[in-house]
Amino acid sequence: MQLNIKYFGRIAEITNCNEETFEFSKATISKLLELLFAKYPELKTKDFQVAQNQEIVSLETMVSGEDLALLPPFSGG
């Protein structure tokens, strides 16, 4: 399946792009992050959350083929 991943803030700076498409077989968010950490090792040291369909999801959530986003912590109120 094709998976569209959006990056924001510091995560976009690390990946040097705001959006990327991957070919990815059905697996968990955790498996997807392993792929991203292999491509962008600096991500391992950063705090972020993963959103699928605009909802924060856990590492055990199955990737459904929908848009995903890596969201860094936000400051401010």
PDB file of N, CA and C in Angstrom:
ATOM      1  N   MET A   1       0.833  -1.173   0.000  1.00  0.00           N
ATOM      2  CA  MET A   1       0.000   0.000   0.000  1.00  0.00           C
ATOM      3  C   MET A   1       0.879   1.238   0.000  1.00  0.00           C
ATOM      4  N   GLN A   2       0.367   2.296  -0.556  1.00  0.00           N
ATOM      5  CA  GLN A   2       1.076   3.571  -0.528  1.00  0.00           C
ATOM      6  C   GLN A   2       0.634   4.337   0.703  1.00  0.00           C
ATOM      7  N   LEU A   3       1.603   4.866   1.402  1.00  0.00           N
ATOM      8  CA  LEU A   3       1.356   5.566   2.641  1.00  0.00           C
ATOM      9  C   LEU A   3       1.926   6.969   2.535  1.00  0.00           C
ATOM     10  N   ASN A   4       1.109   7.958   2.805  1.00  0.00           N
ATOM     11  CA  ASN A   4       1.523   9.351   2.756  1.00  0.00           C
ATOM     12  C   ASN A   4       1.815   9.813   4.184  1.00  0.00           C
ATOM     13  N   ILE A   5       3.048  10.282   4.427  1.00  0.00           N
ATOM     14  CA  ILE A   5       3.442  10.738   5.758  1.00  0.00           C
ATOM     15  C   ILE A   5       3.764  12.218   5.698  1.00  0.00           C
ATOM     16  N   LYS A   6       3.176  12.972   6.625  1.00  0.00           N
ATOM     17  CA  LYS A   6       3.433  14.407   6.715  1.00  0.00           C
ATOM     18  C   LYS A   6       4.318  14.668   7.927  1.00  0.00           C
ATOM     19  N   TYR A   7       5.255  15.591   7.758  1.00  0.00           N
ATOM     20  CA  TYR A   7       6.187  15.951   8.819  1.00  0.00           C
ATOM     21  C   TYR A   7       5.992  17.416   9.186  1.00  0.00           C
ATOM     22  N   PHE A   8       6.124  17.725  10.473  1.00  0.00           N
ATOM     23  CA  PHE A   8       5.926  19.084  10.950  1.00  0.00           C
ATOM     24  C   PHE A   8       7.085  19.499  11.851  1.00  0.00           C
ATOM     25  N   GLY A   9       7.317  20.810  11.924  1.00  0.00           N
ATOM     26  CA  GLY A   9       8.295  21.371  12.848  1.00  0.00           C
ATOM     27  C   GLY A   9       9.678  20.787  12.692  1.00  0.00           C
ATOM     28  N   ARG A  10      10.272  20.440  13.814  1.00  0.00           N
ATOM     29  CA  ARG A  10      11.641  19.904  13.843  1.00  0.00           C
ATOM     30  C   ARG A  10      11.750  18.600  13.043  1.00  0.00           C
ATOM     31  N   ILE A  11      10.686  17.831  13.007  1.00  0.00           N
ATOM     32  CA  ILE A  11      10.686  16.576  12.250  1.00  0.00           C
ATOM     33  C   ILE A  11      10.868  16.872  10.759  1.00  0.00           C
ATOM     34  N   ALA A  12      10.201  17.891  10.244  1.00  0.00           N
ATOM     35  CA  ALA A  12      10.350  18.283   8.840  1.00  0.00           C
ATOM     36  C   ALA A  12      11.775  18.759   8.566  1.00  0.00           C
ATOM     37  N   GLU A  13      12.385  19.426   9.535  1.00  0.00           N
ATOM     38  CA  GLU A  13      13.774  19.867   9.364  1.00  0.00           C
ATOM     39  C   GLU A  13      14.715  18.674   9.261  1.00  0.00           C
ATOM     40  N   ILE A  14      14.494  17.657  10.073  1.00  0.00           N
ATOM     41  CA  ILE A  14      15.346  16.463  10.052  1.00  0.00           C
ATOM     42  C   ILE A  14      15.196  15.709   8.733  1.00  0.00           C
ATOM     43  N   THR A  15      13.962  15.556   8.269  1.00  0.00           N
ATOM     44  CA  THR A  15      13.717  14.786   7.039  1.00  0.00           C
ATOM     45  C   THR A  15      13.968  15.612   5.784  1.00  0.00           C
ATOM     46  N   ASN A  16      14.050  16.923   5.963  1.00  0.00           N
ATOM     47  CA  ASN A  16      14.260  17.849   4.851  1.00  0.00           C
ATOM     48  C   ASN A  16      13.099  17.831   3.855  1.00  0.00           C
ATOM     49  N   CYS A  17      11.901  17.508   4.353  1.00  0.00           N
ATOM     50  CA  CYS A  17      10.694  17.566   3.519  1.00  0.00           C
ATOM     51  C   CYS A  17       9.477  17.667   4.425  1.00  0.00           C
ATOM     52  N   ASN A  18       8.372  18.115   3.864  1.00  0.00           N
ATOM     53  CA  ASN A  18       7.123  18.239   4.619  1.00  0.00           C
ATOM     54  C   ASN A  18       6.197  17.045   4.438  1.00  0.00           C
ATOM     55  N   GLU A  19       6.460  16.270   3.384  1.00  0.00           N
ATOM     56  CA  GLU A  19       5.572  15.155   3.051  1.00  0.00           C
ATOM     57  C   GLU A  19       6.357  14.139   2.239  1.00  0.00           C
ATOM     58  N   GLU A  20       6.017  12.868   2.439  1.00  0.00           N
ATOM     59  CA  GLU A  20       6.731  11.801   1.750  1.00  0.00           C
ATOM     60  C   GLU A  20       5.787  10.616   1.562  1.00  0.00           C
ATOM     61  N   THR A  21       5.951   9.899   0.466  1.00  0.00           N
ATOM     62  CA  THR A  21       5.142   8.713   0.201  1.00  0.00           C
ATOM     63  C   THR A  21       6.023   7.480   0.272  1.00  0.00           C
ATOM     64  N   PHE A  22       5.546   6.463   0.973  1.00  0.00           N
ATOM     65  CA  PHE A  22       6.257   5.201   1.120  1.00  0.00           C
ATOM     66  C   PHE A  22       5.403   4.065   0.591  1.00  0.00           C
ATOM     67  N   GLU A  23       6.049   3.052   0.102  1.00  0.00           N
ATOM     68  CA  GLU A  23       5.394   1.776  -0.182  1.00  0.00           C
ATOM     69  C   GLU A  23       5.577   0.951   1.091  1.00  0.00           C
ATOM     70  N   PHE A  24       4.479   0.523   1.702  1.00  0.00           N
ATOM     71  CA  PHE A  24       4.546  -0.104   3.019  1.00  0.00           C
ATOM     72  C   PHE A  24       3.497  -1.191   3.124  1.00  0.00           C
ATOM     73  N   SER A  25       3.921  -2.376   3.537  1.00  0.00           N
ATOM     74  CA  SER A  25       2.947  -3.453   3.725  1.00  0.00           C
ATOM     75  C   SER A  25       2.308  -3.311   5.102  1.00  0.00           C
ATOM     76  N   LYS A  26       1.123  -3.813   5.242  1.00  0.00           N
ATOM     77  CA  LYS A  26       0.329  -3.623   6.461  1.00  0.00           C
ATOM     78  C   LYS A  26       1.096  -4.120   7.689  1.00  0.00           C
ATOM     79  N   ALA A  27       1.282  -3.233   8.638  1.00  0.00           N
ATOM     80  CA  ALA A  27       1.979  -3.542   9.880  1.00  0.00           C
ATOM     81  C   ALA A  27       1.620  -2.469  10.905  1.00  0.00           C
ATOM     82  N   THR A  28       2.291  -2.509  12.034  1.00  0.00           N
ATOM     83  CA  THR A  28       2.015  -1.548  13.103  1.00  0.00           C
ATOM     84  C   THR A  28       2.797  -0.244  12.898  1.00  0.00           C
ATOM     85  N   ILE A  29       2.388   0.762  13.633  1.00  0.00           N
ATOM     86  CA  ILE A  29       3.093   2.040  13.634  1.00  0.00           C
ATOM     87  C   ILE A  29       4.545   1.810  14.058  1.00  0.00           C
ATOM     88  N   SER A  30       4.756   0.943  15.014  1.00  0.00           N
ATOM     89  CA  SER A  30       6.104   0.630  15.483  1.00  0.00           C
ATOM     90  C   SER A  30       6.998   0.146  14.336  1.00  0.00           C
ATOM     91  N   LYS A  31       6.495  -0.724  13.486  1.00  0.00           N
ATOM     92  CA  LYS A  31       7.266  -1.223  12.333  1.00  0.00           C
ATOM     93  C   LYS A  31       7.548  -0.109  11.336  1.00  0.00           C
ATOM     94  N   LEU A  32       6.590   0.765  11.155  1.00  0.00           N
ATOM     95  CA  LEU A  32       6.794   1.903  10.264  1.00  0.00           C
ATOM     96  C   LEU A  32       7.900   2.804  10.805  1.00  0.00           C
ATOM     97  N   LEU A  33       7.897   3.037  12.118  1.00  0.00           N
ATOM     98  CA  LEU A  33       8.928   3.883  12.710  1.00  0.00           C
ATOM     99  C   LEU A  33      10.317   3.259  12.554  1.00  0.00           C
ATOM    100  N   GLU A  34      10.415   1.947  12.608  1.00  0.00           N
ATOM    101  CA  GLU A  34      11.702   1.296  12.364  1.00  0.00           C
ATOM    102  C   GLU A  34      12.231   1.668  10.979  1.00  0.00           C
ATOM    103  N   LEU A  35      11.361   1.670   9.992  1.00  0.00           N
ATOM    104  CA  LEU A  35      11.734   2.056   8.632  1.00  0.00           C
ATOM    105  C   LEU A  35      12.185   3.517   8.593  1.00  0.00           C
ATOM    106  N   LEU A  36      11.443   4.391   9.258  1.00  0.00           N
ATOM    107  CA  LEU A  36      11.796   5.805   9.276  1.00  0.00           C
ATOM    108  C   LEU A  36      13.101   6.048  10.033  1.00  0.00           C
ATOM    109  N   PHE A  37      13.327   5.335  11.131  1.00  0.00           N
ATOM    110  CA  PHE A  37      14.568   5.492  11.890  1.00  0.00           C
ATOM    111  C   PHE A  37      15.771   5.024  11.077  1.00  0.00           C
ATOM    112  N   ALA A  38      15.582   4.011  10.240  1.00  0.00           N
ATOM    113  CA  ALA A  38      16.678   3.560   9.370  1.00  0.00           C
ATOM    114  C   ALA A  38      17.026   4.632   8.340  1.00  0.00           C
ATOM    115  N   LYS A  39      16.017   5.316   7.838  1.00  0.00           N
ATOM    116  CA  LYS A  39      16.235   6.356   6.836  1.00  0.00           C
ATOM    117  C   LYS A  39      16.703   7.663   7.467  1.00  0.00           C
ATOM    118  N   TYR A  40      16.156   7.983   8.639  1.00  0.00           N
ATOM    119  CA  TYR A  40      16.469   9.237   9.344  1.00  0.00           C
ATOM    120  C   TYR A  40      16.880   8.909  10.783  1.00  0.00           C
ATOM    121  N   PRO A  41      18.123   8.475  11.012  1.00  0.00           N
ATOM    122  CA  PRO A  41      18.553   8.049  12.363  1.00  0.00           C
ATOM    123  C   PRO A  41      18.351   9.102  13.446  1.00  0.00           C
ATOM    124  N   GLU A  42      18.418  10.375  13.105  1.00  0.00           N
ATOM    125  CA  GLU A  42      18.264  11.438  14.100  1.00  0.00           C
ATOM    126  C   GLU A  42      16.866  11.436  14.725  1.00  0.00           C
ATOM    127  N   LEU A  43      15.887  10.877  14.028  1.00  0.00           N
ATOM    128  CA  LEU A  43      14.522  10.818  14.575  1.00  0.00           C
ATOM    129  C   LEU A  43      14.459  10.017  15.870  1.00  0.00           C
ATOM    130  N   LYS A  44      15.361   9.052  16.043  1.00  0.00           N
ATOM    131  CA  LYS A  44      15.357   8.213  17.242  1.00  0.00           C
ATOM    132  C   LYS A  44      15.502   9.035  18.514  1.00  0.00           C
ATOM    133  N   THR A  45      16.160  10.181  18.408  1.00  0.00           N
ATOM    134  CA  THR A  45      16.437  10.988  19.594  1.00  0.00           C
ATOM    135  C   THR A  45      15.394  12.081  19.820  1.00  0.00           C
ATOM    136  N   LYS A  46      14.396  12.152  18.973  1.00  0.00           N
ATOM    137  CA  LYS A  46      13.399  13.220  19.059  1.00  0.00           C
ATOM    138  C   LYS A  46      12.082  12.704  19.632  1.00  0.00           C
ATOM    139  N   ASP A  47      11.412  13.575  20.363  1.00  0.00           N
ATOM    140  CA  ASP A  47      10.074  13.267  20.871  1.00  0.00           C
ATOM    141  C   ASP A  47       9.049  13.690  19.828  1.00  0.00           C
ATOM    142  N   PHE A  48       8.108  12.822  19.540  1.00  0.00           N
ATOM    143  CA  PHE A  48       7.006  13.149  18.640  1.00  0.00           C
ATOM    144  C   PHE A  48       5.887  12.147  18.838  1.00  0.00           C
ATOM    145  N   GLN A  49       4.729  12.506  18.358  1.00  0.00           N
ATOM    146  CA  GLN A  49       3.587  11.600  18.371  1.00  0.00           C
ATOM    147  C   GLN A  49       3.194  11.308  16.935  1.00  0.00           C
ATOM    148  N   VAL A  50       2.517  10.191  16.746  1.00  0.00           N
ATOM    149  CA  VAL A  50       2.052   9.805  15.421  1.00  0.00           C
ATOM    150  C   VAL A  50       0.532   9.949  15.384  1.00  0.00           C
ATOM    151  N   ALA A  51       0.057  10.616  14.343  1.00  0.00           N
ATOM    152  CA  ALA A  51      -1.386  10.763  14.138  1.00  0.00           C
ATOM    153  C   ALA A  51      -1.786  10.025  12.863  1.00  0.00           C
ATOM    154  N   GLN A  52      -2.891   9.319  12.945  1.00  0.00           N
ATOM    155  CA  GLN A  52      -3.466   8.637  11.784  1.00  0.00           C
ATOM    156  C   GLN A  52      -4.910   9.106  11.690  1.00  0.00           C
ATOM    157  N   ASN A  53      -5.292   9.596  10.528  1.00  0.00           N
ATOM    158  CA  ASN A  53      -6.645  10.148  10.371  1.00  0.00           C
ATOM    159  C   ASN A  53      -6.917  11.239  11.405  1.00  0.00           C
ATOM    160  N   GLN A  54      -5.918  12.053  11.671  1.00  0.00           N
ATOM    161  CA  GLN A  54      -6.003  13.210  12.563  1.00  0.00           C
ATOM    162  C   GLN A  54      -6.252  12.843  14.018  1.00  0.00           C
ATOM    163  N   GLU A  55      -5.914  11.607  14.412  1.00  0.00           N
ATOM    164  CA  GLU A  55      -6.018  11.179  15.804  1.00  0.00           C
ATOM    165  C   GLU A  55      -4.693  10.591  16.232  1.00  0.00           C
ATOM    166  N   ILE A  56      -4.239  10.948  17.430  1.00  0.00           N
ATOM    167  CA  ILE A  56      -3.001  10.393  17.971  1.00  0.00           C
ATOM    168  C   ILE A  56      -3.213   8.892  18.188  1.00  0.00           C
ATOM    169  N   VAL A  57      -2.226   8.080  17.753  1.00  0.00           N
ATOM    170  CA  VAL A  57      -2.340   6.626  17.867  1.00  0.00           C
ATOM    171  C   VAL A  57      -1.127   6.063  18.610  1.00  0.00           C
ATOM    172  N   SER A  58      -1.271   4.843  19.110  1.00  0.00           N
ATOM    173  CA  SER A  58      -0.189   4.176  19.832  1.00  0.00           C
ATOM    174  C   SER A  58       0.713   3.420  18.853  1.00  0.00           C
ATOM    175  N   LEU A  59       1.840   2.962  19.358  1.00  0.00           N
ATOM    176  CA  LEU A  59       2.791   2.214  18.533  1.00  0.00           C
ATOM    177  C   LEU A  59       2.226   0.874  18.075  1.00  0.00           C
ATOM    178  N   GLU A  60       1.236   0.343  18.785  1.00  0.00           N
ATOM    179  CA  GLU A  60       0.643  -0.952  18.437  1.00  0.00           C
ATOM    180  C   GLU A  60      -0.471  -0.844  17.401  1.00  0.00           C
ATOM    181  N   THR A  61      -0.867   0.358  17.056  1.00  0.00           N
ATOM    182  CA  THR A  61      -1.941   0.579  16.086  1.00  0.00           C
ATOM    183  C   THR A  61      -1.509   0.083  14.708  1.00  0.00           C
ATOM    184  N   MET A  62      -2.417  -0.581  14.016  1.00  0.00           N
ATOM    185  CA  MET A  62      -2.135  -1.025  12.647  1.00  0.00           C
ATOM    186  C   MET A  62      -2.214   0.163  11.695  1.00  0.00           C
ATOM    187  N   VAL A  63      -1.252   0.234  10.793  1.00  0.00           N
ATOM    188  CA  VAL A  63      -1.284   1.259   9.752  1.00  0.00           C
ATOM    189  C   VAL A  63      -2.382   0.858   8.786  1.00  0.00           C
ATOM    190  N   SER A  64      -3.296   1.782   8.521  1.00  0.00           N
ATOM    191  CA  SER A  64      -4.462   1.449   7.716  1.00  0.00           C
ATOM    192  C   SER A  64      -4.371   1.935   6.270  1.00  0.00           C
ATOM    193  N   GLY A  65      -3.266   2.560   5.917  1.00  0.00           N
ATOM    194  CA  GLY A  65      -3.132   3.076   4.563  1.00  0.00           C
ATOM    195  C   GLY A  65      -3.595   4.503   4.424  1.00  0.00           C
ATOM    196  N   GLU A  66      -4.029   5.081   5.512  1.00  0.00           N
ATOM    197  CA  GLU A  66      -4.477   6.467   5.513  1.00  0.00           C
ATOM    198  C   GLU A  66      -3.275   7.390   5.691  1.00  0.00           C
ATOM    199  N   ASP A  67      -3.536   8.680   5.608  1.00  0.00           N
ATOM    200  CA  ASP A  67      -2.475   9.656   5.848  1.00  0.00           C
ATOM    201  C   ASP A  67      -2.023   9.591   7.298  1.00  0.00           C
ATOM    202  N   LEU A  68      -0.721   9.714   7.479  1.00  0.00           N
ATOM    203  CA  LEU A  68      -0.121   9.764   8.804  1.00  0.00           C
ATOM    204  C   LEU A  68       0.629  11.068   8.956  1.00  0.00           C
ATOM    205  N   ALA A  69       0.857  11.468  10.201  1.00  0.00           N
ATOM    206  CA  ALA A  69       1.644  12.669  10.474  1.00  0.00           C
ATOM    207  C   ALA A  69       2.515  12.413  11.688  1.00  0.00           C
ATOM    208  N   LEU A  70       3.740  12.919  11.645  1.00  0.00           N
ATOM    209  CA  LEU A  70       4.628  12.897  12.802  1.00  0.00           C
ATOM    210  C   LEU A  70       4.594  14.304  13.388  1.00  0.00           C
ATOM    211  N   LEU A  71       4.165  14.377  14.636  1.00  0.00           N
ATOM    212  CA  LEU A  71       3.915  15.661  15.288  1.00  0.00           C
ATOM    213  C   LEU A  71       4.884  15.877  16.436  1.00  0.00           C
ATOM    214  N   PRO A  72       5.749  16.878  16.347  1.00  0.00           N
ATOM    215  CA  PRO A  72       6.646  17.186  17.460  1.00  0.00           C
ATOM    216  C   PRO A  72       5.849  17.857  18.577  1.00  0.00           C
ATOM    217  N   PRO A  73       6.434  17.929  19.793  1.00  0.00           N
ATOM    218  CA  PRO A  73       5.752  18.668  20.855  1.00  0.00           C
ATOM    219  C   PRO A  73       5.583  20.124  20.458  1.00  0.00           C
ATOM    220  N   PHE A  74       4.489  20.715  20.850  1.00  0.00           N
ATOM    221  CA  PHE A  74       4.223  22.112  20.527  1.00  0.00           C
ATOM    222  C   PHE A  74       4.367  22.936  21.785  1.00  0.00           C
ATOM    223  N   SER A  75       4.918  24.122  21.635  1.00  0.00           N
ATOM    224  CA  SER A  75       5.010  25.026  22.784  1.00  0.00           C
ATOM    225  C   SER A  75       3.924  26.088  22.666  1.00  0.00           C
ATOM    226  N   GLY A  76       3.683  26.768  23.743  1.00  0.00           N
ATOM    227  CA  GLY A  76       2.674  27.812  23.726  1.00  0.00           C
ATOM    228  C   GLY A  76       1.354  27.328  24.287  1.00  0.00           C
ATOM    229  N   GLY A  77       0.386  28.212  24.313  1.00  0.00           N
ATOM    230  CA  GLY A  77      -0.880  27.861  24.934  1.00  0.00           C
ATOM    231  C   GLY A  77      -1.989  27.892  24.040  1.00  0.00           C
TER     232      GLY A  77
END
